N, C-alpha and C. Protein backbone atom coordinates (compact mmCIF):
# COMPACT_ATOMS: atom_id res chain seq x y z
N MET A 1 0.84 -1.17 0.00
CA MET A 1 0.00 0.00 0.00
C MET A 1 0.89 1.24 0.00
N THR A 2 0.63 2.17 -0.85
CA THR A 2 1.44 3.36 -0.97
C THR A 2 1.38 4.20 0.30
N GLY A 3 2.55 4.61 0.77
CA GLY A 3 2.63 5.47 1.93
C GLY A 3 2.40 4.78 3.26
N GLU A 4 2.18 3.47 3.25
CA GLU A 4 1.92 2.75 4.49
C GLU A 4 3.18 2.75 5.36
N THR A 5 2.99 3.03 6.64
CA THR A 5 4.11 3.00 7.57
C THR A 5 4.07 1.68 8.33
N HIS A 6 5.15 0.95 8.26
CA HIS A 6 5.28 -0.30 8.99
C HIS A 6 5.90 0.02 10.35
N PRO A 7 5.51 -0.71 11.40
CA PRO A 7 6.07 -0.43 12.72
C PRO A 7 7.53 -0.86 12.82
N ALA A 8 8.28 -0.11 13.60
CA ALA A 8 9.68 -0.46 13.85
C ALA A 8 9.74 -1.70 14.72
N MET A 9 10.73 -2.53 14.47
CA MET A 9 10.93 -3.76 15.23
C MET A 9 11.86 -3.50 16.41
N SER A 10 11.80 -4.38 17.39
CA SER A 10 12.72 -4.29 18.52
C SER A 10 14.09 -4.82 18.09
N GLU A 11 15.11 -4.43 18.83
CA GLU A 11 16.45 -4.92 18.52
C GLU A 11 16.51 -6.44 18.62
N ALA A 12 15.84 -7.01 19.58
CA ALA A 12 15.84 -8.48 19.73
C ALA A 12 15.21 -9.15 18.52
N GLU A 13 14.08 -8.61 18.05
CA GLU A 13 13.42 -9.18 16.88
C GLU A 13 14.30 -9.05 15.64
N ILE A 14 14.94 -7.91 15.49
CA ILE A 14 15.82 -7.67 14.34
C ILE A 14 16.96 -8.66 14.33
N THR A 15 17.67 -8.80 15.44
CA THR A 15 18.83 -9.68 15.48
C THR A 15 18.43 -11.14 15.30
N GLU A 16 17.28 -11.53 15.85
CA GLU A 16 16.80 -12.90 15.68
C GLU A 16 16.47 -13.17 14.21
N ARG A 17 15.78 -12.25 13.57
CA ARG A 17 15.41 -12.43 12.16
C ARG A 17 16.62 -12.39 11.25
N LEU A 18 17.58 -11.52 11.55
CA LEU A 18 18.79 -11.49 10.73
C LEU A 18 19.50 -12.83 10.78
N ALA A 19 19.63 -13.40 11.96
CA ALA A 19 20.32 -14.68 12.11
C ALA A 19 19.66 -15.77 11.27
N ILE A 20 18.34 -15.73 11.18
CA ILE A 20 17.60 -16.76 10.45
C ILE A 20 17.49 -16.44 8.96
N GLU A 21 17.11 -15.21 8.63
CA GLU A 21 16.75 -14.85 7.27
C GLU A 21 17.87 -14.22 6.45
N LEU A 22 18.76 -13.50 7.11
CA LEU A 22 19.81 -12.76 6.41
C LEU A 22 21.12 -12.85 7.19
N PRO A 23 21.72 -14.04 7.21
CA PRO A 23 22.88 -14.26 8.09
C PRO A 23 24.12 -13.41 7.78
N HIS A 24 24.20 -12.82 6.61
CA HIS A 24 25.35 -11.97 6.28
C HIS A 24 25.10 -10.50 6.60
N TRP A 25 23.93 -10.21 7.11
CA TRP A 25 23.58 -8.85 7.53
C TRP A 25 23.75 -8.76 9.05
N TYR A 26 23.94 -7.53 9.55
CA TYR A 26 24.07 -7.34 10.99
C TYR A 26 23.38 -6.03 11.38
N TYR A 27 23.07 -5.92 12.65
CA TYR A 27 22.39 -4.74 13.18
C TYR A 27 23.42 -3.89 13.92
N GLU A 28 23.45 -2.59 13.59
CA GLU A 28 24.40 -1.69 14.24
C GLU A 28 23.87 -0.26 14.19
N ASN A 29 23.82 0.38 15.33
CA ASN A 29 23.41 1.78 15.44
C ASN A 29 22.08 2.08 14.76
N GLY A 30 21.12 1.16 14.91
CA GLY A 30 19.79 1.41 14.41
C GLY A 30 19.53 1.02 12.96
N TRP A 31 20.53 0.46 12.29
CA TRP A 31 20.40 0.09 10.88
C TRP A 31 20.72 -1.40 10.71
N ILE A 32 20.13 -2.03 9.69
CA ILE A 32 20.65 -3.34 9.28
C ILE A 32 21.65 -3.06 8.16
N ARG A 33 22.73 -3.83 8.16
CA ARG A 33 23.86 -3.55 7.26
C ARG A 33 24.39 -4.82 6.63
N ARG A 34 25.01 -4.61 5.47
CA ARG A 34 25.65 -5.72 4.75
C ARG A 34 26.86 -5.16 4.02
N LYS A 35 28.01 -5.77 4.22
CA LYS A 35 29.21 -5.41 3.47
C LYS A 35 29.37 -6.42 2.35
N ILE A 36 29.36 -5.92 1.13
CA ILE A 36 29.54 -6.77 -0.04
C ILE A 36 30.94 -6.50 -0.58
N LYS A 37 31.79 -7.53 -0.53
CA LYS A 37 33.17 -7.39 -0.99
C LYS A 37 33.23 -7.66 -2.49
N THR A 38 34.02 -6.84 -3.17
CA THR A 38 34.17 -6.98 -4.62
C THR A 38 35.65 -7.12 -4.95
N SER A 39 35.91 -7.34 -6.24
CA SER A 39 37.30 -7.48 -6.67
C SER A 39 37.91 -6.17 -7.13
N GLY A 40 37.15 -5.09 -7.11
CA GLY A 40 37.70 -3.81 -7.52
C GLY A 40 36.62 -2.83 -7.95
N TRP A 41 37.07 -1.71 -8.45
CA TRP A 41 36.20 -0.57 -8.72
C TRP A 41 35.06 -0.89 -9.70
N LYS A 42 35.34 -1.56 -10.81
CA LYS A 42 34.28 -1.87 -11.77
C LYS A 42 33.19 -2.72 -11.13
N ALA A 43 33.60 -3.69 -10.37
CA ALA A 43 32.63 -4.56 -9.69
C ALA A 43 31.84 -3.78 -8.65
N THR A 44 32.50 -2.89 -7.94
CA THR A 44 31.83 -2.06 -6.95
C THR A 44 30.75 -1.22 -7.61
N LEU A 45 31.06 -0.65 -8.75
CA LEU A 45 30.07 0.16 -9.46
C LEU A 45 28.88 -0.68 -9.93
N MET A 46 29.14 -1.92 -10.35
CA MET A 46 28.03 -2.80 -10.74
C MET A 46 27.12 -3.08 -9.54
N VAL A 47 27.70 -3.32 -8.39
CA VAL A 47 26.91 -3.57 -7.18
C VAL A 47 26.09 -2.32 -6.84
N VAL A 48 26.72 -1.16 -6.86
CA VAL A 48 26.02 0.09 -6.55
C VAL A 48 24.84 0.30 -7.50
N ASN A 49 25.05 0.07 -8.77
CA ASN A 49 23.98 0.26 -9.74
C ASN A 49 22.85 -0.74 -9.54
N ALA A 50 23.18 -1.98 -9.23
CA ALA A 50 22.13 -2.98 -8.99
C ALA A 50 21.32 -2.62 -7.75
N VAL A 51 21.98 -2.24 -6.67
CA VAL A 51 21.28 -1.84 -5.44
C VAL A 51 20.44 -0.59 -5.72
N GLY A 52 21.00 0.35 -6.46
CA GLY A 52 20.27 1.56 -6.80
C GLY A 52 19.00 1.26 -7.58
N HIS A 53 19.09 0.36 -8.53
CA HIS A 53 17.92 -0.02 -9.31
C HIS A 53 16.84 -0.63 -8.41
N LEU A 54 17.22 -1.57 -7.57
CA LEU A 54 16.26 -2.22 -6.68
C LEU A 54 15.62 -1.21 -5.72
N ALA A 55 16.44 -0.32 -5.17
CA ALA A 55 15.94 0.68 -4.23
C ALA A 55 14.95 1.62 -4.91
N GLU A 56 15.25 2.02 -6.11
CA GLU A 56 14.36 2.93 -6.82
C GLU A 56 13.04 2.25 -7.16
N LYS A 57 13.10 0.99 -7.59
CA LYS A 57 11.87 0.25 -7.87
C LYS A 57 11.03 0.07 -6.61
N ALA A 58 11.69 -0.10 -5.47
CA ALA A 58 10.98 -0.28 -4.20
C ALA A 58 10.56 1.06 -3.59
N TRP A 59 11.16 2.13 -4.06
CA TRP A 59 10.99 3.47 -3.49
C TRP A 59 11.31 3.43 -1.99
N HIS A 60 12.45 2.80 -1.72
CA HIS A 60 12.96 2.66 -0.36
C HIS A 60 14.48 2.68 -0.48
N HIS A 61 15.10 3.77 -0.07
CA HIS A 61 16.48 4.04 -0.44
C HIS A 61 17.47 3.84 0.70
N PRO A 62 18.46 2.97 0.50
CA PRO A 62 19.48 2.73 1.52
C PRO A 62 20.55 3.81 1.50
N ASP A 63 21.33 3.84 2.56
CA ASP A 63 22.57 4.60 2.56
C ASP A 63 23.65 3.63 2.09
N LEU A 64 24.57 4.12 1.28
CA LEU A 64 25.66 3.29 0.78
C LEU A 64 26.99 3.91 1.14
N THR A 65 27.92 3.06 1.54
CA THR A 65 29.32 3.44 1.67
C THR A 65 30.03 2.72 0.55
N VAL A 66 30.69 3.49 -0.31
CA VAL A 66 31.29 2.91 -1.51
C VAL A 66 32.80 3.11 -1.44
N SER A 67 33.53 2.01 -1.60
CA SER A 67 34.98 2.06 -1.61
C SER A 67 35.48 1.24 -2.80
N TYR A 68 36.77 1.19 -2.97
CA TYR A 68 37.36 0.51 -4.12
C TYR A 68 36.89 -0.94 -4.24
N ALA A 69 36.89 -1.68 -3.14
CA ALA A 69 36.62 -3.11 -3.22
C ALA A 69 35.50 -3.57 -2.29
N PHE A 70 34.58 -2.68 -1.95
CA PHE A 70 33.41 -3.09 -1.17
C PHE A 70 32.34 -2.02 -1.23
N VAL A 71 31.13 -2.47 -0.89
CA VAL A 71 29.98 -1.59 -0.73
C VAL A 71 29.32 -1.99 0.58
N ILE A 72 29.02 -1.02 1.42
CA ILE A 72 28.24 -1.28 2.62
C ILE A 72 26.85 -0.71 2.38
N VAL A 73 25.85 -1.57 2.52
CA VAL A 73 24.45 -1.19 2.36
C VAL A 73 23.86 -1.06 3.76
N LYS A 74 23.21 0.08 4.04
CA LYS A 74 22.57 0.32 5.33
C LYS A 74 21.10 0.63 5.10
N LEU A 75 20.24 -0.09 5.82
CA LEU A 75 18.79 0.08 5.66
C LEU A 75 18.11 0.43 6.98
N VAL A 76 17.22 1.39 6.92
CA VAL A 76 16.35 1.77 8.02
C VAL A 76 15.14 2.47 7.39
N THR A 77 14.01 2.43 8.07
CA THR A 77 12.83 3.15 7.60
C THR A 77 12.71 4.42 8.43
N HIS A 78 13.08 5.53 7.81
CA HIS A 78 13.12 6.80 8.54
C HIS A 78 11.75 7.19 9.11
N ALA A 79 10.68 6.97 8.34
CA ALA A 79 9.34 7.35 8.80
C ALA A 79 8.95 6.61 10.08
N ALA A 80 9.45 5.39 10.23
CA ALA A 80 9.14 4.58 11.43
C ALA A 80 10.19 4.75 12.52
N LYS A 81 11.26 5.47 12.20
CA LYS A 81 12.37 5.67 13.13
C LYS A 81 12.97 4.34 13.60
N GLY A 82 13.10 3.40 12.65
CA GLY A 82 13.69 2.11 12.97
C GLY A 82 13.61 1.15 11.80
N VAL A 83 14.04 -0.06 12.06
CA VAL A 83 14.04 -1.11 11.05
C VAL A 83 12.64 -1.72 10.99
N THR A 84 12.13 -1.87 9.77
CA THR A 84 10.78 -2.42 9.57
C THR A 84 10.83 -3.55 8.55
N GLU A 85 9.64 -4.06 8.27
CA GLU A 85 9.49 -5.11 7.27
C GLU A 85 10.01 -4.66 5.91
N LYS A 86 9.90 -3.37 5.61
CA LYS A 86 10.40 -2.83 4.34
C LYS A 86 11.91 -3.08 4.21
N ASP A 87 12.62 -2.88 5.28
CA ASP A 87 14.08 -3.05 5.25
C ASP A 87 14.45 -4.51 5.02
N PHE A 88 13.74 -5.40 5.66
CA PHE A 88 14.00 -6.82 5.45
C PHE A 88 13.67 -7.24 4.02
N ALA A 89 12.57 -6.73 3.49
CA ALA A 89 12.18 -7.08 2.12
C ALA A 89 13.21 -6.60 1.10
N LEU A 90 13.70 -5.38 1.26
CA LEU A 90 14.70 -4.88 0.32
C LEU A 90 16.03 -5.61 0.51
N ALA A 91 16.41 -5.89 1.73
CA ALA A 91 17.65 -6.64 1.99
C ALA A 91 17.60 -8.00 1.31
N LYS A 92 16.47 -8.68 1.41
CA LYS A 92 16.33 -9.99 0.76
C LYS A 92 16.43 -9.88 -0.75
N LYS A 93 15.85 -8.85 -1.32
CA LYS A 93 15.92 -8.66 -2.77
C LYS A 93 17.36 -8.35 -3.19
N ILE A 94 18.09 -7.58 -2.41
CA ILE A 94 19.50 -7.29 -2.70
C ILE A 94 20.30 -8.59 -2.67
N GLU A 95 20.08 -9.41 -1.66
CA GLU A 95 20.76 -10.70 -1.58
C GLU A 95 20.46 -11.55 -2.82
N GLU A 96 19.19 -11.61 -3.17
CA GLU A 96 18.74 -12.45 -4.28
C GLU A 96 19.36 -12.00 -5.60
N VAL A 97 19.42 -10.72 -5.84
CA VAL A 97 19.88 -10.21 -7.14
C VAL A 97 21.40 -10.04 -7.18
N VAL A 98 21.96 -9.30 -6.25
CA VAL A 98 23.39 -8.98 -6.30
C VAL A 98 24.25 -10.21 -6.06
N LEU A 99 23.82 -11.09 -5.19
CA LEU A 99 24.65 -12.24 -4.84
C LEU A 99 24.18 -13.53 -5.50
N TRP A 100 23.37 -13.41 -6.54
CA TRP A 100 22.87 -14.57 -7.28
C TRP A 100 24.03 -15.36 -7.86
N ASP A 101 24.02 -16.66 -7.66
CA ASP A 101 25.03 -17.55 -8.22
C ASP A 101 24.40 -18.26 -9.41
N ALA A 102 24.60 -17.72 -10.59
CA ALA A 102 23.95 -18.22 -11.81
C ALA A 102 24.26 -19.69 -12.06
N ALA A 103 25.49 -20.10 -11.84
CA ALA A 103 25.89 -21.48 -12.11
C ALA A 103 25.17 -22.46 -11.19
N ALA A 104 25.03 -22.10 -9.94
CA ALA A 104 24.41 -22.99 -8.96
C ALA A 104 22.88 -22.99 -9.05
N ASP A 105 22.32 -21.96 -9.65
CA ASP A 105 20.88 -21.78 -9.61
C ASP A 105 20.19 -21.90 -10.97
N SER A 106 20.88 -22.42 -11.97
CA SER A 106 20.29 -22.39 -13.31
C SER A 106 20.15 -23.76 -13.97
N ASP A 107 20.35 -24.82 -13.23
CA ASP A 107 20.26 -26.17 -13.79
C ASP A 107 21.16 -26.33 -15.02
N GLY A 108 22.32 -25.69 -14.98
CA GLY A 108 23.28 -25.82 -16.07
C GLY A 108 23.05 -24.90 -17.26
N ILE A 109 22.01 -24.09 -17.21
CA ILE A 109 21.75 -23.18 -18.33
C ILE A 109 22.85 -22.13 -18.42
N PHE A 110 23.24 -21.55 -17.27
CA PHE A 110 24.31 -20.56 -17.23
C PHE A 110 25.54 -21.17 -16.61
N GLU A 111 26.69 -20.81 -17.12
CA GLU A 111 27.93 -21.30 -16.52
C GLU A 111 28.37 -20.45 -15.33
N GLY A 112 27.88 -19.23 -15.24
CA GLY A 112 28.27 -18.33 -14.16
C GLY A 112 29.62 -17.69 -14.44
N THR A 113 29.99 -16.77 -13.59
CA THR A 113 31.26 -16.05 -13.75
C THR A 113 32.40 -17.04 -13.59
N PRO A 114 33.36 -17.05 -14.53
CA PRO A 114 34.50 -17.97 -14.42
C PRO A 114 35.30 -17.74 -13.14
N GLU A 115 35.94 -18.79 -12.68
CA GLU A 115 36.78 -18.69 -11.48
C GLU A 115 38.06 -17.88 -11.74
N ASP A 116 38.38 -17.66 -12.98
CA ASP A 116 39.55 -16.88 -13.37
C ASP A 116 39.49 -15.50 -12.69
N PRO A 117 40.53 -15.10 -11.98
CA PRO A 117 40.51 -13.82 -11.26
C PRO A 117 40.28 -12.60 -12.16
N ARG A 118 40.53 -12.74 -13.46
CA ARG A 118 40.28 -11.61 -14.37
C ARG A 118 38.79 -11.30 -14.48
N PHE A 119 37.93 -12.27 -14.14
CA PHE A 119 36.51 -12.09 -14.34
C PHE A 119 35.69 -12.07 -13.05
N LYS A 120 36.29 -12.48 -11.95
CA LYS A 120 35.56 -12.50 -10.68
C LYS A 120 35.24 -11.06 -10.27
N TYR A 121 34.07 -10.88 -9.68
CA TYR A 121 33.78 -9.53 -9.19
C TYR A 121 33.11 -9.48 -7.83
N ILE A 122 32.31 -10.48 -7.47
CA ILE A 122 31.74 -10.51 -6.12
C ILE A 122 32.51 -11.57 -5.32
N LYS A 123 32.96 -11.19 -4.14
CA LYS A 123 33.65 -12.14 -3.28
C LYS A 123 32.63 -12.75 -2.33
N LYS A 124 32.50 -14.06 -2.40
CA LYS A 124 31.51 -14.74 -1.55
C LYS A 124 31.97 -14.76 -0.11
N ASP A 125 30.97 -14.70 0.79
CA ASP A 125 31.26 -14.73 2.23
C ASP A 125 31.64 -16.12 2.65
């Protein structure tokens, strides 16, 4: 529903859900966060653009810290003054899209990014 405000979750609920649903995310200073490691600047820009696209489609915008070989995504719902269901939904979509392993998830249709370091761009956790 457009403009709907979801209630902020408690810190205990957030940390419990992160452990179960988003194990590579963590809660810190009121935000849920994820550090995505890359192999360098070009890969970092691809991650930023993918996250930007998802955020714009969701109309829910994260804060990003962008460096040469990583991106930190921070999510909070400002209107609710805390982490809400919106933040979890966008975090899950970021995980699904940015960290998609084409080779493992395509029944052999896609070969995925080669293991050759010249082509690697997302570093798996």
